[in-house]
Amino acid sequence: MTVIRSAIEQSLIVLNRTNDSMDAVTRRISTGKKINTPEDDPVLWASAGKSRSIVEHLGAVNNSLEAVAISIRGADIAMETIGKNIDQMIEYVKNFPPYPAGDTSAERAKFLQSFNGIRQMINDLTLPPRDDLGQYIMADSGSLAEPVDTWSVVIDEEGRVRTIQRQEVHTGPTGLDIPELSEGDITTTGLPGGPLDGTKLKDIIANLEAAQETLGEKRSGLASDAAGIARAKAFNDRVATFYTTFAENVEQADVDEAAAEAKSLELKRELAIEALNSITSMHSELVGLLR
């Protein structure tokens, strides 16, 4: 009787293990994944989880980089507009005094108002920022509550940073250096009402052309940062694709293999049940003989 009881217990153990294995294989077939829980393979489960965590982190990094890229594009558009404004200022100076009106006090006032108005438009494009990187890049550092020279942004999974350089394009001395004009700035005496000074007008044009060159240099620096951000985003996308593919390959089940295993387990379960029934029947017959 002890032998029969032991045989029954062994058959039940085999049957339970087979049922557990069958459950695991069924999950693999239904989900398409060979690893659905840590119990399936703790090491591979951890590796796949870490890979997906890196992908998620890189997604957050690239979202941040995209926000920076948008701000840089905004700053570049503003700089393009500033360039057009400077061209307009140069034309105003070149065409003064206007023909046939000539050099009159009214025309001087109109000229100075137009010149200084455009100058103010340039400054309006570079107002001190609150949390906008684009204006932060262009603004007068002296107008910031806490002046800083760089803006740091995380660019990869390891936490490395890139510093976005300031490219001040306001009209102040640290920017494009375009002074506001008064009537004395265009006369030989340096006073209102004095004779028009052609040399001073040429100097103003030369200063505006220098400002245009400075603006070009600032835009080149901005383009360098934009290219660096684009490269970082592209690299992060490639890394994320690698880790995504790795996680998918680790988790992906071979459906044909799983189906074959399921068929084998089903046969094993049938044999275990048949063995258990045979042992139970034998036990009943022995009990009947002993009565």
C-alpha atoms as a PDB file:
ATOM      1  CA  MET A   1       0.000   0.000   0.000  1.00  0.00           C
ATOM      2  CA  THR A   2       2.876   2.319   0.807  1.00  0.00           C
ATOM      3  CA  VAL A   3       4.341   1.706  -2.633  1.00  0.00           C
ATOM      4  CA  ILE A   4       1.010   2.519  -4.304  1.00  0.00           C
ATOM      5  CA  ARG A   5       0.601   5.701  -2.230  1.00  0.00           C
ATOM      6  CA  SER A   6       4.105   6.790  -3.238  1.00  0.00           C
ATOM      7  CA  ALA A   7       3.349   6.108  -6.899  1.00  0.00           C
ATOM      8  CA  ILE A   8       0.159   8.172  -6.695  1.00  0.00           C
ATOM      9  CA  GLU A   9       2.056  11.088  -5.118  1.00  0.00           C
ATOM     10  CA  GLN A  10       4.749  10.967  -7.814  1.00  0.00           C
ATOM     11  CA  SER A  11       2.109  10.913 -10.544  1.00  0.00           C
ATOM     12  CA  LEU A  12       0.354  13.913  -9.011  1.00  0.00           C
ATOM     13  CA  ILE A  13       3.657  15.813  -8.825  1.00  0.00           C
ATOM     14  CA  VAL A  14       4.338  15.097 -12.501  1.00  0.00           C
ATOM     15  CA  LEU A  15       0.784  16.106 -13.428  1.00  0.00           C
ATOM     16  CA  ASN A  16       0.972  19.407 -11.484  1.00  0.00           C
ATOM     17  CA  ARG A  17       4.346  20.302 -12.985  1.00  0.00           C
ATOM     18  CA  THR A  18       3.045  19.493 -16.453  1.00  0.00           C
ATOM     19  CA  ASN A  19      -0.012  21.703 -15.861  1.00  0.00           C
ATOM     20  CA  ASP A  20       2.231  24.576 -14.713  1.00  0.00           C
ATOM     21  CA  SER A  21       4.433  24.191 -17.778  1.00  0.00           C
ATOM     22  CA  MET A  22       1.355  24.040 -19.988  1.00  0.00           C
ATOM     23  CA  ASP A  23       0.082  27.317 -18.471  1.00  0.00           C
ATOM     24  CA  ALA A  24       3.416  28.985 -19.184  1.00  0.00           C
ATOM     25  CA  VAL A  25       3.459  27.725 -22.794  1.00  0.00           C
ATOM     26  CA  THR A  26      -0.137  28.828 -23.308  1.00  0.00           C
ATOM     27  CA  ARG A  27       0.787  32.338 -22.152  1.00  0.00           C
ATOM     28  CA  ARG A  28       3.721  32.374 -24.581  1.00  0.00           C
ATOM     29  CA  ILE A  29       1.439  31.437 -27.455  1.00  0.00           C
ATOM     30  CA  SER A  30      -1.340  33.906 -26.527  1.00  0.00           C
ATOM     31  CA  THR A  31       0.962  36.877 -25.825  1.00  0.00           C
ATOM     32  CA  GLY A  32       3.653  36.108 -28.382  1.00  0.00           C
ATOM     33  CA  LYS A  33       6.221  36.505 -25.605  1.00  0.00           C
ATOM     34  CA  LYS A  34       8.380  33.825 -24.093  1.00  0.00           C
ATOM     35  CA  ILE A  35       8.950  35.932 -20.977  1.00  0.00           C
ATOM     36  CA  ASN A  36       5.754  37.191 -19.353  1.00  0.00           C
ATOM     37  CA  THR A  37       6.737  37.170 -15.679  1.00  0.00           C
ATOM     38  CA  PRO A  38      10.033  37.269 -13.728  1.00  0.00           C
ATOM     39  CA  GLU A  39       9.548  33.581 -12.970  1.00  0.00           C
ATOM     40  CA  ASP A  40       9.883  32.712 -16.667  1.00  0.00           C
ATOM     41  CA  ASP A  41      13.522  33.881 -16.699  1.00  0.00           C
ATOM     42  CA  PRO A  42      14.652  36.369 -14.014  1.00  0.00           C
ATOM     43  CA  VAL A  43      17.815  37.397 -15.863  1.00  0.00           C
ATOM     44  CA  LEU A  44      16.191  38.023 -19.242  1.00  0.00           C
ATOM     45  CA  TRP A  45      13.177  39.657 -17.586  1.00  0.00           C
ATOM     46  CA  ALA A  46      15.517  42.119 -15.849  1.00  0.00           C
ATOM     47  CA  SER A  47      17.469  42.747 -19.077  1.00  0.00           C
ATOM     48  CA  ALA A  48      14.327  43.444 -21.078  1.00  0.00           C
ATOM     49  CA  GLY A  49      12.976  45.699 -18.325  1.00  0.00           C
ATOM     50  CA  LYS A  50      16.214  47.669 -18.176  1.00  0.00           C
ATOM     51  CA  SER A  51      16.209  48.073 -21.953  1.00  0.00           C
ATOM     52  CA  ARG A  52      12.664  49.436 -21.936  1.00  0.00           C
ATOM     53  CA  SER A  53      13.564  51.780 -19.082  1.00  0.00           C
ATOM     54  CA  ILE A  54      16.451  53.172 -21.135  1.00  0.00           C
ATOM     55  CA  VAL A  55      14.138  53.623 -24.118  1.00  0.00           C
ATOM     56  CA  GLU A  56      11.655  55.525 -21.945  1.00  0.00           C
ATOM     57  CA  HIS A  57      14.442  57.723 -20.539  1.00  0.00           C
ATOM     58  CA  LEU A  58      15.778  58.473 -24.020  1.00  0.00           C
ATOM     59  CA  GLY A  59      12.263  59.416 -25.081  1.00  0.00           C
ATOM     60  CA  ALA A  60      12.116  61.985 -22.267  1.00  0.00           C
ATOM     61  CA  VAL A  61      15.584  63.294 -23.195  1.00  0.00           C
ATOM     62  CA  ASN A  62      14.574  63.692 -26.844  1.00  0.00           C
ATOM     63  CA  ASN A  63      11.357  65.464 -25.871  1.00  0.00           C
ATOM     64  CA  SER A  64      13.483  67.956 -23.954  1.00  0.00           C
ATOM     65  CA  LEU A  65      15.878  68.289 -26.901  1.00  0.00           C
ATOM     66  CA  GLU A  66      12.959  68.898 -29.247  1.00  0.00           C
ATOM     67  CA  ALA A  67      11.782  71.750 -27.012  1.00  0.00           C
ATOM     68  CA  VAL A  68      15.297  73.219 -27.188  1.00  0.00           C
ATOM     69  CA  ALA A  69      15.374  72.760 -30.972  1.00  0.00           C
ATOM     70  CA  ILE A  70      12.056  74.590 -31.303  1.00  0.00           C
ATOM     71  CA  SER A  71      13.421  77.484 -29.245  1.00  0.00           C
ATOM     72  CA  ILE A  72      16.581  77.616 -31.359  1.00  0.00           C
ATOM     73  CA  ARG A  73      14.502  77.654 -34.549  1.00  0.00           C
ATOM     74  CA  GLY A  74      12.457  80.480 -33.057  1.00  0.00           C
ATOM     75  CA  ALA A  75      15.627  82.437 -32.266  1.00  0.00           C
ATOM     76  CA  ASP A  76      16.926  81.864 -35.788  1.00  0.00           C
ATOM     77  CA  ILE A  77      13.686  83.148 -37.313  1.00  0.00           C
ATOM     78  CA  ALA A  78      13.933  86.223 -35.081  1.00  0.00           C
ATOM     79  CA  MET A  79      17.538  86.766 -36.202  1.00  0.00           C
ATOM     80  CA  GLU A  80      16.479  86.504 -39.834  1.00  0.00           C
ATOM     81  CA  THR A  81      13.920  89.241 -39.189  1.00  0.00           C
ATOM     82  CA  ILE A  82      16.560  91.348 -37.444  1.00  0.00           C
ATOM     83  CA  GLY A  83      18.785  91.011 -40.509  1.00  0.00           C
ATOM     84  CA  LYS A  84      15.995  92.381 -42.697  1.00  0.00           C
ATOM     85  CA  ASN A  85      15.493  95.223 -40.208  1.00  0.00           C
ATOM     86  CA  ILE A  86      19.179  96.165 -40.418  1.00  0.00           C
ATOM     87  CA  ASP A  87      19.000  96.148 -44.227  1.00  0.00           C
ATOM     88  CA  GLN A  88      16.065  98.523 -43.985  1.00  0.00           C
ATOM     89  CA  MET A  89      18.010 100.819 -41.635  1.00  0.00           C
ATOM     90  CA  ILE A  90      20.951 100.878 -44.057  1.00  0.00           C
ATOM     91  CA  GLU A  91      18.622 101.878 -46.886  1.00  0.00           C
ATOM     92  CA  TYR A  92      17.167 104.689 -44.768  1.00  0.00           C
ATOM     93  CA  VAL A  93      20.627 106.117 -44.094  1.00  0.00           C
ATOM     94  CA  LYS A  94      21.804 105.726 -47.692  1.00  0.00           C
ATOM     95  CA  ASN A  95      18.723 107.518 -48.987  1.00  0.00           C
ATOM     96  CA  PHE A  96      18.943 110.453 -46.604  1.00  0.00           C
ATOM     97  CA  PRO A  97      18.321 113.250 -47.325  1.00  0.00           C
ATOM     98  CA  PRO A  98      15.392 112.187 -49.503  1.00  0.00           C
ATOM     99  CA  TYR A  99      14.987 113.577 -52.985  1.00  0.00           C
ATOM    100  CA  PRO A 100      13.398 115.975 -53.782  1.00  0.00           C
ATOM    101  CA  ALA A 101      12.328 116.948 -50.250  1.00  0.00           C
ATOM    102  CA  GLY A 102      15.918 117.607 -49.224  1.00  0.00           C
ATOM    103  CA  ASP A 103      17.439 118.091 -45.773  1.00  0.00           C
ATOM    104  CA  THR A 104      14.751 119.764 -43.693  1.00  0.00           C
ATOM    105  CA  SER A 105      14.005 119.609 -39.998  1.00  0.00           C
ATOM    106  CA  ALA A 106      10.811 117.697 -40.743  1.00  0.00           C
ATOM    107  CA  GLU A 107      12.682 115.114 -42.847  1.00  0.00           C
ATOM    108  CA  ARG A 108      15.369 114.761 -40.170  1.00  0.00           C
ATOM    109  CA  ALA A 109      12.699 114.093 -37.549  1.00  0.00           C
ATOM    110  CA  LYS A 110      11.032 111.542 -39.833  1.00  0.00           C
ATOM    111  CA  PHE A 111      14.372 109.836 -40.548  1.00  0.00           C
ATOM    112  CA  LEU A 112      15.369 109.611 -36.874  1.00  0.00           C
ATOM    113  CA  GLN A 113      11.919 108.347 -35.892  1.00  0.00           C
ATOM    114  CA  SER A 114      12.061 105.589 -38.531  1.00  0.00           C
ATOM    115  CA  PHE A 115      15.657 104.594 -37.679  1.00  0.00           C
ATOM    116  CA  ASN A 116      15.058 104.462 -33.912  1.00  0.00           C
ATOM    117  CA  GLY A 117      11.689 102.784 -34.416  1.00  0.00           C
ATOM    118  CA  ILE A 118      13.275  99.879 -36.270  1.00  0.00           C
ATOM    119  CA  ARG A 119      16.005  99.741 -33.636  1.00  0.00           C
ATOM    120  CA  GLN A 120      13.308  99.338 -30.992  1.00  0.00           C
ATOM    121  CA  MET A 121      11.684  96.572 -33.047  1.00  0.00           C
ATOM    122  CA  ILE A 122      14.988  94.680 -32.906  1.00  0.00           C
ATOM    123  CA  ASN A 123      15.109  95.018 -29.140  1.00  0.00           C
ATOM    124  CA  ASP A 124      11.483  93.910 -28.849  1.00  0.00           C
ATOM    125  CA  LEU A 125      12.465  90.628 -30.502  1.00  0.00           C
ATOM    126  CA  THR A 126      15.035  90.037 -27.748  1.00  0.00           C
ATOM    127  CA  LEU A 127      13.040  90.977 -24.656  1.00  0.00           C
ATOM    128  CA  PRO A 128      14.323  89.523 -21.367  1.00  0.00           C
ATOM    129  CA  PRO A 129      12.916  85.991 -21.122  1.00  0.00           C
ATOM    130  CA  ARG A 130      10.954  84.257 -18.456  1.00  0.00           C
ATOM    131  CA  ASP A 131      11.418  80.632 -19.416  1.00  0.00           C
ATOM    132  CA  ASP A 132      11.855  80.851 -23.173  1.00  0.00           C
ATOM    133  CA  LEU A 133      15.216  79.596 -24.383  1.00  0.00           C
ATOM    134  CA  GLY A 134      14.982  81.438 -27.690  1.00  0.00           C
ATOM    135  CA  GLN A 135      14.745  84.872 -26.101  1.00  0.00           C
ATOM    136  CA  TYR A 136      17.195  83.798 -23.414  1.00  0.00           C
ATOM    137  CA  ILE A 137      19.762  83.184 -26.142  1.00  0.00           C
ATOM    138  CA  MET A 138      19.277  86.626 -27.724  1.00  0.00           C
ATOM    139  CA  ALA A 139      18.572  88.831 -24.702  1.00  0.00           C
ATOM    140  CA  ASP A 140      20.856  91.376 -23.098  1.00  0.00           C
ATOM    141  CA  SER A 141      22.544  89.484 -20.239  1.00  0.00           C
ATOM    142  CA  GLY A 142      22.368  92.646 -18.152  1.00  0.00           C
ATOM    143  CA  SER A 143      18.586  92.483 -18.290  1.00  0.00           C
ATOM    144  CA  LEU A 144      18.449  89.029 -16.671  1.00  0.00           C
ATOM    145  CA  ALA A 145      17.665  88.695 -12.989  1.00  0.00           C
ATOM    146  CA  GLU A 146      20.427  86.077 -12.694  1.00  0.00           C
ATOM    147  CA  PRO A 147      22.860  86.587 -15.585  1.00  0.00           C
ATOM    148  CA  VAL A 148      24.366  83.369 -16.938  1.00  0.00           C
ATOM    149  CA  ASP A 149      26.378  82.713 -20.085  1.00  0.00           C
ATOM    150  CA  THR A 150      25.152  79.248 -21.030  1.00  0.00           C
ATOM    151  CA  TRP A 151      22.083  77.046 -20.980  1.00  0.00           C
ATOM    152  CA  SER A 152      22.777  73.367 -20.229  1.00  0.00           C
ATOM    153  CA  VAL A 153      20.628  70.547 -21.573  1.00  0.00           C
ATOM    154  CA  VAL A 154      20.967  66.767 -21.062  1.00  0.00           C
ATOM    155  CA  ILE A 155      21.620  65.059 -24.395  1.00  0.00           C
ATOM    156  CA  ASP A 156      21.918  61.310 -23.726  1.00  0.00           C
ATOM    157  CA  GLU A 157      21.137  58.399 -21.418  1.00  0.00           C
ATOM    158  CA  GLU A 158      24.350  58.909 -19.426  1.00  0.00           C
ATOM    159  CA  GLY A 159      23.408  62.448 -18.453  1.00  0.00           C
ATOM    160  CA  ARG A 160      25.989  64.263 -20.558  1.00  0.00           C
ATOM    161  CA  VAL A 161      25.072  67.863 -21.231  1.00  0.00           C
ATOM    162  CA  ARG A 162      25.487  70.330 -24.061  1.00  0.00           C
ATOM    163  CA  THR A 163      25.682  74.017 -23.324  1.00  0.00           C
ATOM    164  CA  ILE A 164      23.649  76.285 -25.566  1.00  0.00           C
ATOM    165  CA  GLN A 165      25.721  79.424 -26.027  1.00  0.00           C
ATOM    166  CA  ARG A 166      24.279  82.900 -25.749  1.00  0.00           C
ATOM    167  CA  GLN A 167      24.065  84.807 -29.028  1.00  0.00           C
ATOM    168  CA  GLU A 168      23.091  88.319 -27.991  1.00  0.00           C
ATOM    169  CA  VAL A 169      21.545  90.216 -30.898  1.00  0.00           C
ATOM    170  CA  HIS A 170      19.974  93.182 -29.116  1.00  0.00           C
ATOM    171  CA  THR A 171      21.188  96.663 -30.098  1.00  0.00           C
ATOM    172  CA  GLY A 172      23.341  97.191 -26.997  1.00  0.00           C
ATOM    173  CA  PRO A 173      27.182  97.130 -26.819  1.00  0.00           C
ATOM    174  CA  THR A 174      27.286  93.388 -25.986  1.00  0.00           C
ATOM    175  CA  GLY A 175      24.984  92.623 -28.911  1.00  0.00           C
ATOM    176  CA  LEU A 176      24.893  94.257 -32.334  1.00  0.00           C
ATOM    177  CA  ASP A 177      25.986  97.648 -30.987  1.00  0.00           C
ATOM    178  CA  ILE A 178      23.523  99.856 -32.867  1.00  0.00           C
ATOM    179  CA  PRO A 179      23.234 103.106 -30.885  1.00  0.00           C
ATOM    180  CA  GLU A 180      20.071 105.166 -30.888  1.00  0.00           C
ATOM    181  CA  LEU A 181      20.445 108.236 -33.114  1.00  0.00           C
ATOM    182  CA  SER A 182      19.806 111.846 -32.207  1.00  0.00           C
ATOM    183  CA  GLU A 183      19.986 114.782 -34.610  1.00  0.00           C
ATOM    184  CA  GLY A 184      23.416 115.695 -33.249  1.00  0.00           C
ATOM    185  CA  ASP A 185      24.713 112.316 -34.437  1.00  0.00           C
ATOM    186  CA  ILE A 186      24.247 113.350 -38.085  1.00  0.00           C
ATOM    187  CA  THR A 187      25.451 116.985 -37.989  1.00  0.00           C
ATOM    188  CA  THR A 188      28.934 118.455 -38.248  1.00  0.00           C
ATOM    189  CA  THR A 189      28.446 120.418 -35.025  1.00  0.00           C
ATOM    190  CA  GLY A 190      27.026 117.548 -33.043  1.00  0.00           C
ATOM    191  CA  LEU A 191      24.025 119.737 -32.293  1.00  0.00           C
ATOM    192  CA  PRO A 192      20.464 119.834 -33.590  1.00  0.00           C
ATOM    193  CA  GLY A 193      20.032 122.174 -36.549  1.00  0.00           C
ATOM    194  CA  GLY A 194      23.670 121.935 -37.621  1.00  0.00           C
ATOM    195  CA  PRO A 195      24.823 121.133 -41.159  1.00  0.00           C
ATOM    196  CA  LEU A 196      24.356 117.520 -42.263  1.00  0.00           C
ATOM    197  CA  ASP A 197      27.584 115.509 -41.935  1.00  0.00           C
ATOM    198  CA  GLY A 198      28.056 113.063 -44.836  1.00  0.00           C
ATOM    199  CA  THR A 199      31.000 111.364 -43.117  1.00  0.00           C
ATOM    200  CA  LYS A 200      28.906 110.588 -40.040  1.00  0.00           C
ATOM    201  CA  LEU A 201      26.202 109.067 -42.241  1.00  0.00           C
ATOM    202  CA  LYS A 202      28.822 106.840 -43.889  1.00  0.00           C
ATOM    203  CA  ASP A 203      30.082 105.816 -40.434  1.00  0.00           C
ATOM    204  CA  ILE A 204      26.525 104.904 -39.421  1.00  0.00           C
ATOM    205  CA  ILE A 205      26.216 102.736 -42.539  1.00  0.00           C
ATOM    206  CA  ALA A 206      29.573 101.084 -41.791  1.00  0.00           C
ATOM    207  CA  ASN A 207      28.426 100.380 -38.226  1.00  0.00           C
ATOM    208  CA  LEU A 208      25.181  98.808 -39.483  1.00  0.00           C
ATOM    209  CA  GLU A 209      27.109  96.649 -41.951  1.00  0.00           C
ATOM    210  CA  ALA A 210      29.363  95.535 -39.102  1.00  0.00           C
ATOM    211  CA  ALA A 211      26.242  94.714 -37.102  1.00  0.00           C
ATOM    212  CA  GLN A 212      25.010  92.622 -40.039  1.00  0.00           C
ATOM    213  CA  GLU A 213      28.296  90.685 -40.021  1.00  0.00           C
ATOM    214  CA  THR A 214      28.041  90.182 -36.272  1.00  0.00           C
ATOM    215  CA  LEU A 215      24.507  88.908 -36.718  1.00  0.00           C
ATOM    216  CA  GLY A 216      25.765  86.390 -39.284  1.00  0.00           C
ATOM    217  CA  GLU A 217      28.361  85.131 -36.805  1.00  0.00           C
ATOM    218  CA  LYS A 218      25.704  84.819 -34.109  1.00  0.00           C
ATOM    219  CA  ARG A 219      23.464  82.827 -36.441  1.00  0.00           C
ATOM    220  CA  SER A 220      26.382  80.549 -37.299  1.00  0.00           C
ATOM    221  CA  GLY A 221      26.936  79.884 -33.601  1.00  0.00           C
ATOM    222  CA  LEU A 222      23.232  79.187 -33.226  1.00  0.00           C
ATOM    223  CA  ALA A 223      23.345  76.805 -36.202  1.00  0.00           C
ATOM    224  CA  SER A 224      26.204  74.923 -34.552  1.00  0.00           C
ATOM    225  CA  ASP A 225      24.116  74.339 -31.430  1.00  0.00           C
ATOM    226  CA  ALA A 226      21.122  73.350 -33.570  1.00  0.00           C
ATOM    227  CA  ALA A 227      23.245  70.790 -35.429  1.00  0.00           C
ATOM    228  CA  GLY A 228      24.568  69.411 -32.137  1.00  0.00           C
ATOM    229  CA  ILE A 229      21.032  68.985 -30.808  1.00  0.00           C
ATOM    230  CA  ALA A 230      19.953  67.280 -34.043  1.00  0.00           C
ATOM    231  CA  ARG A 231      22.906  64.861 -33.871  1.00  0.00           C
ATOM    232  CA  ALA A 232      22.128  64.031 -30.235  1.00  0.00           C
ATOM    233  CA  LYS A 233      18.475  63.347 -31.072  1.00  0.00           C
ATOM    234  CA  ALA A 234      19.389  61.126 -34.015  1.00  0.00           C
ATOM    235  CA  PHE A 235      21.909  59.182 -31.912  1.00  0.00           C
ATOM    236  CA  ASN A 236      19.356  58.717 -29.121  1.00  0.00           C
ATOM    237  CA  ASP A 237      16.835  57.409 -31.661  1.00  0.00           C
ATOM    238  CA  ARG A 238      19.355  54.825 -32.864  1.00  0.00           C
ATOM    239  CA  VAL A 239      20.166  53.751 -29.308  1.00  0.00           C
ATOM    240  CA  ALA A 240      16.469  53.537 -28.435  1.00  0.00           C
ATOM    241  CA  THR A 241      15.843  51.397 -31.529  1.00  0.00           C
ATOM    242  CA  PHE A 242      18.674  49.064 -30.482  1.00  0.00           C
ATOM    243  CA  TYR A 243      17.297  48.613 -26.966  1.00  0.00           C
ATOM    244  CA  THR A 244      13.729  48.218 -28.229  1.00  0.00           C
ATOM    245  CA  THR A 245      14.801  45.531 -30.674  1.00  0.00           C
ATOM    246  CA  PHE A 246      16.833  43.798 -27.962  1.00  0.00           C
ATOM    247  CA  ALA A 247      13.880  43.749 -25.554  1.00  0.00           C
ATOM    248  CA  GLU A 248      11.530  42.491 -28.246  1.00  0.00           C
ATOM    249  CA  ASN A 249      13.938  39.736 -29.297  1.00  0.00           C
ATOM    250  CA  VAL A 250      14.460  38.684 -25.684  1.00  0.00           C
ATOM    251  CA  GLU A 251      10.723  38.531 -25.035  1.00  0.00           C
ATOM    252  CA  GLN A 252       9.496  37.256 -28.386  1.00  0.00           C
ATOM    253  CA  ALA A 253       8.371  33.661 -28.385  1.00  0.00           C
ATOM    254  CA  ASP A 254       8.996  31.148 -31.159  1.00  0.00           C
ATOM    255  CA  VAL A 255       5.330  30.281 -31.769  1.00  0.00           C
ATOM    256  CA  ASP A 256       6.114  27.080 -33.688  1.00  0.00           C
ATOM    257  CA  GLU A 257       8.462  25.926 -30.952  1.00  0.00           C
ATOM    258  CA  ALA A 258       5.904  26.823 -28.277  1.00  0.00           C
ATOM    259  CA  ALA A 259       3.155  24.960 -30.153  1.00  0.00           C
ATOM    260  CA  ALA A 260       5.348  21.861 -30.412  1.00  0.00           C
ATOM    261  CA  GLU A 261       6.145  22.094 -26.717  1.00  0.00           C
ATOM    262  CA  ALA A 262       2.454  22.460 -25.912  1.00  0.00           C
ATOM    263  CA  LYS A 263       1.692  19.309 -27.905  1.00  0.00           C
ATOM    264  CA  SER A 264       4.447  17.417 -26.058  1.00  0.00           C
ATOM    265  CA  LEU A 265       3.173  18.622 -22.690  1.00  0.00           C
ATOM    266  CA  GLU A 266      -0.370  17.638 -23.573  1.00  0.00           C
ATOM    267  CA  LEU A 267       0.826  14.105 -24.347  1.00  0.00           C
ATOM    268  CA  LYS A 268       2.810  14.072 -21.111  1.00  0.00           C
ATOM    269  CA  ARG A 269      -0.260  15.192 -19.168  1.00  0.00           C
ATOM    270  CA  GLU A 270      -2.407  12.497 -20.769  1.00  0.00           C
ATOM    271  CA  LEU A 271       0.166   9.851 -19.834  1.00  0.00           C
ATOM    272  CA  ALA A 272       0.322  11.171 -16.264  1.00  0.00           C
ATOM    273  CA  ILE A 273      -3.463  11.049 -15.959  1.00  0.00           C
ATOM    274  CA  GLU A 274      -3.538   7.568 -17.458  1.00  0.00           C
ATOM    275  CA  ALA A 275      -0.825   6.410 -15.021  1.00  0.00           C
ATOM    276  CA  LEU A 276      -2.706   7.947 -12.116  1.00  0.00           C
ATOM    277  CA  ASN A 277      -5.919   6.220 -13.164  1.00  0.00           C
ATOM    278  CA  SER A 278      -4.122   2.895 -13.488  1.00  0.00           C
ATOM    279  CA  ILE A 279      -2.549   3.198 -10.045  1.00  0.00           C
ATOM    280  CA  THR A 280      -5.884   4.207  -8.523  1.00  0.00           C
ATOM    281  CA  SER A 281      -7.601   1.246 -10.195  1.00  0.00           C
ATOM    282  CA  MET A 282      -4.871  -1.100  -8.967  1.00  0.00           C
ATOM    283  CA  HIS A 283      -5.303   0.297  -5.457  1.00  0.00           C
ATOM    284  CA  SER A 284      -9.051  -0.384  -5.588  1.00  0.00           C
ATOM    285  CA  GLU A 285      -8.524  -3.956  -6.785  1.00  0.00           C
ATOM    286  CA  LEU A 286      -6.022  -4.660  -4.004  1.00  0.00           C
ATOM    287  CA  VAL A 287      -8.371  -3.289  -1.386  1.00  0.00           C
ATOM    288  CA  GLY A 288     -11.121  -5.554  -2.772  1.00  0.00           C
ATOM    289  CA  LEU A 289      -8.888  -8.643  -2.607  1.00  0.00           C
ATOM    290  CA  LEU A 290      -7.886  -7.873   0.976  1.00  0.00           C
ATOM    291  CA  ARG A 291     -11.486  -7.741   2.217  1.00  0.00           C
END
